[in-house]
Amino acid sequence: MATKLDKSIKRELDHAGKTYTITIAPDGVKVVEKGKRNGPHVSWSSIISGDAALNENLKISVDASRS
């Protein structure tokens, strides 16, 4: 049986030579570079509905067209 997510969980991640703090909370996921205060936040409804993936694909498409 899984444990209910009723409070924030913080974990540290090393990626590409930088350290990030990942916060998994009841309202979504937030990724912040260690030592910083702000970073991207994605809500669970955005992840579940597919909006997060759609936004990422749109960003990749726009970036590719600018080259």
N, C-alpha and C. Protein backbone atom coordinates (compact mmCIF):
# COMPACT_ATOMS: atom_id res chain seq x y z
N MET A 1 0.84 -1.18 0.00
CA MET A 1 0.00 0.00 0.00
C MET A 1 0.89 1.24 0.00
N ALA A 2 0.56 2.20 -0.81
CA ALA A 2 1.34 3.43 -0.93
C ALA A 2 0.97 4.40 0.19
N THR A 3 1.93 5.25 0.55
CA THR A 3 1.71 6.27 1.57
C THR A 3 1.11 7.51 0.92
N LYS A 4 0.10 8.07 1.55
CA LYS A 4 -0.57 9.27 1.03
C LYS A 4 0.39 10.46 1.10
N LEU A 5 0.41 11.26 0.04
CA LEU A 5 1.25 12.46 -0.01
C LEU A 5 0.48 13.61 0.62
N ASP A 6 0.73 13.86 1.90
CA ASP A 6 0.00 14.91 2.60
C ASP A 6 0.90 16.04 3.07
N LYS A 7 2.22 15.93 2.82
CA LYS A 7 3.16 17.01 3.12
C LYS A 7 4.31 16.94 2.13
N SER A 8 5.10 18.00 2.07
CA SER A 8 6.19 18.09 1.10
C SER A 8 7.33 17.14 1.45
N ILE A 9 7.96 16.61 0.40
CA ILE A 9 9.14 15.77 0.51
C ILE A 9 10.23 16.45 -0.30
N LYS A 10 11.39 16.67 0.28
CA LYS A 10 12.50 17.30 -0.43
C LYS A 10 13.62 16.29 -0.63
N ARG A 11 14.16 16.30 -1.84
CA ARG A 11 15.29 15.43 -2.17
C ARG A 11 16.29 16.24 -2.98
N GLU A 12 17.55 15.81 -2.93
CA GLU A 12 18.61 16.49 -3.65
C GLU A 12 18.99 15.67 -4.87
N LEU A 13 19.30 16.37 -5.96
CA LEU A 13 19.64 15.71 -7.22
C LEU A 13 20.86 16.40 -7.83
N ASP A 14 21.86 15.62 -8.23
CA ASP A 14 23.00 16.15 -8.98
C ASP A 14 22.76 15.85 -10.45
N HIS A 15 22.79 16.90 -11.26
CA HIS A 15 22.56 16.74 -12.70
C HIS A 15 23.45 17.71 -13.46
N ALA A 16 24.22 17.20 -14.39
CA ALA A 16 25.09 18.01 -15.25
C ALA A 16 25.99 18.94 -14.44
N GLY A 17 26.51 18.45 -13.32
CA GLY A 17 27.44 19.24 -12.52
C GLY A 17 26.79 20.25 -11.60
N LYS A 18 25.48 20.29 -11.54
CA LYS A 18 24.77 21.22 -10.65
C LYS A 18 23.91 20.42 -9.67
N THR A 19 23.67 21.00 -8.51
CA THR A 19 22.84 20.35 -7.50
C THR A 19 21.49 21.06 -7.43
N TYR A 20 20.43 20.27 -7.41
CA TYR A 20 19.07 20.79 -7.37
C TYR A 20 18.33 20.22 -6.18
N THR A 21 17.36 20.98 -5.68
CA THR A 21 16.45 20.49 -4.66
C THR A 21 15.11 20.25 -5.33
N ILE A 22 14.62 19.02 -5.23
CA ILE A 22 13.34 18.64 -5.80
C ILE A 22 12.34 18.57 -4.66
N THR A 23 11.24 19.30 -4.77
CA THR A 23 10.19 19.25 -3.76
C THR A 23 8.95 18.62 -4.37
N ILE A 24 8.54 17.51 -3.80
CA ILE A 24 7.32 16.84 -4.22
C ILE A 24 6.28 17.16 -3.16
N ALA A 25 5.21 17.86 -3.56
CA ALA A 25 4.21 18.33 -2.62
C ALA A 25 2.82 17.94 -3.10
N PRO A 26 1.82 18.06 -2.23
CA PRO A 26 0.46 17.72 -2.64
C PRO A 26 -0.05 18.54 -3.83
N ASP A 27 0.51 19.74 -4.04
CA ASP A 27 0.03 20.58 -5.14
C ASP A 27 0.86 20.44 -6.43
N GLY A 28 2.03 19.77 -6.37
CA GLY A 28 2.83 19.59 -7.57
C GLY A 28 4.30 19.35 -7.26
N VAL A 29 5.15 19.57 -8.27
CA VAL A 29 6.58 19.33 -8.17
C VAL A 29 7.31 20.63 -8.47
N LYS A 30 8.35 20.93 -7.68
CA LYS A 30 9.15 22.13 -7.89
C LYS A 30 10.62 21.74 -7.93
N VAL A 31 11.36 22.34 -8.87
CA VAL A 31 12.79 22.07 -9.02
C VAL A 31 13.52 23.40 -8.88
N VAL A 32 14.47 23.45 -7.92
CA VAL A 32 15.20 24.69 -7.65
C VAL A 32 16.68 24.36 -7.55
N GLU A 33 17.50 25.17 -8.23
CA GLU A 33 18.94 25.00 -8.10
C GLU A 33 19.33 25.29 -6.66
N LYS A 34 20.18 24.45 -6.09
CA LYS A 34 20.56 24.59 -4.69
C LYS A 34 21.17 25.98 -4.45
N GLY A 35 20.72 26.64 -3.40
CA GLY A 35 21.17 27.98 -3.06
C GLY A 35 20.28 29.07 -3.64
N LYS A 36 19.35 28.70 -4.49
CA LYS A 36 18.40 29.65 -5.09
C LYS A 36 17.05 29.51 -4.41
N ARG A 37 16.16 30.46 -4.66
CA ARG A 37 14.84 30.43 -4.05
C ARG A 37 13.73 30.03 -5.00
N ASN A 38 13.88 30.40 -6.27
CA ASN A 38 12.80 30.18 -7.23
C ASN A 38 13.22 29.18 -8.30
N GLY A 39 12.23 28.48 -8.80
CA GLY A 39 12.45 27.53 -9.87
C GLY A 39 11.12 27.12 -10.46
N PRO A 40 11.14 26.33 -11.50
CA PRO A 40 9.89 25.93 -12.14
C PRO A 40 9.03 25.04 -11.24
N HIS A 41 7.73 25.27 -11.28
CA HIS A 41 6.75 24.48 -10.54
C HIS A 41 5.74 23.95 -11.53
N VAL A 42 5.45 22.66 -11.44
CA VAL A 42 4.45 22.03 -12.30
C VAL A 42 3.40 21.40 -11.41
N SER A 43 2.14 21.76 -11.66
CA SER A 43 1.06 21.22 -10.85
C SER A 43 0.74 19.79 -11.29
N TRP A 44 0.14 19.04 -10.38
CA TRP A 44 -0.23 17.65 -10.70
C TRP A 44 -1.27 17.61 -11.81
N SER A 45 -2.21 18.55 -11.81
CA SER A 45 -3.24 18.54 -12.87
C SER A 45 -2.61 18.78 -14.24
N SER A 46 -1.57 19.61 -14.29
CA SER A 46 -0.87 19.86 -15.55
C SER A 46 -0.13 18.60 -16.01
N ILE A 47 0.48 17.88 -15.09
CA ILE A 47 1.19 16.65 -15.43
C ILE A 47 0.21 15.56 -15.87
N ILE A 48 -0.85 15.38 -15.12
CA ILE A 48 -1.81 14.31 -15.40
C ILE A 48 -2.57 14.55 -16.70
N SER A 49 -2.92 15.81 -16.98
CA SER A 49 -3.68 16.11 -18.19
C SER A 49 -2.82 16.09 -19.45
N GLY A 50 -1.50 16.14 -19.27
CA GLY A 50 -0.61 16.14 -20.42
C GLY A 50 -0.19 17.53 -20.85
N ASP A 51 -0.68 18.57 -20.17
CA ASP A 51 -0.33 19.94 -20.51
C ASP A 51 1.17 20.20 -20.37
N ALA A 52 1.80 19.58 -19.39
CA ALA A 52 3.24 19.78 -19.18
C ALA A 52 4.03 19.27 -20.38
N ALA A 53 3.69 18.10 -20.87
CA ALA A 53 4.37 17.53 -22.04
C ALA A 53 4.08 18.37 -23.28
N LEU A 54 2.85 18.82 -23.43
CA LEU A 54 2.48 19.65 -24.57
C LEU A 54 3.28 20.96 -24.57
N ASN A 55 3.40 21.59 -23.40
CA ASN A 55 4.16 22.84 -23.30
C ASN A 55 5.62 22.62 -23.63
N GLU A 56 6.21 21.52 -23.18
CA GLU A 56 7.61 21.22 -23.47
C GLU A 56 7.81 20.99 -24.96
N ASN A 57 6.91 20.25 -25.59
CA ASN A 57 7.02 20.02 -27.03
C ASN A 57 6.87 21.31 -27.82
N LEU A 58 5.98 22.19 -27.39
CA LEU A 58 5.80 23.48 -28.04
C LEU A 58 7.06 24.33 -27.92
N LYS A 59 7.67 24.34 -26.75
CA LYS A 59 8.90 25.10 -26.53
C LYS A 59 10.01 24.59 -27.44
N ILE A 60 10.15 23.27 -27.54
CA ILE A 60 11.18 22.67 -28.40
C ILE A 60 10.92 23.08 -29.86
N SER A 61 9.68 23.05 -30.28
CA SER A 61 9.32 23.41 -31.66
C SER A 61 9.63 24.87 -31.95
N VAL A 62 9.29 25.77 -31.03
CA VAL A 62 9.55 27.20 -31.22
C VAL A 62 11.05 27.46 -31.25
N ASP A 63 11.80 26.83 -30.34
CA ASP A 63 13.25 27.00 -30.31
C ASP A 63 13.89 26.51 -31.62
N ALA A 64 13.39 25.41 -32.17
CA ALA A 64 13.94 24.86 -33.40
C ALA A 64 13.66 25.79 -34.58
N SER A 65 12.52 26.43 -34.58
CA SER A 65 12.17 27.31 -35.70
C SER A 65 12.96 28.62 -35.67
N ARG A 66 13.50 28.98 -34.52
CA ARG A 66 14.29 30.22 -34.40
C ARG A 66 15.71 30.05 -34.92
N SER A 67 16.17 28.82 -35.04
CA SER A 67 17.56 28.57 -35.48
C SER A 67 17.74 28.84 -36.95
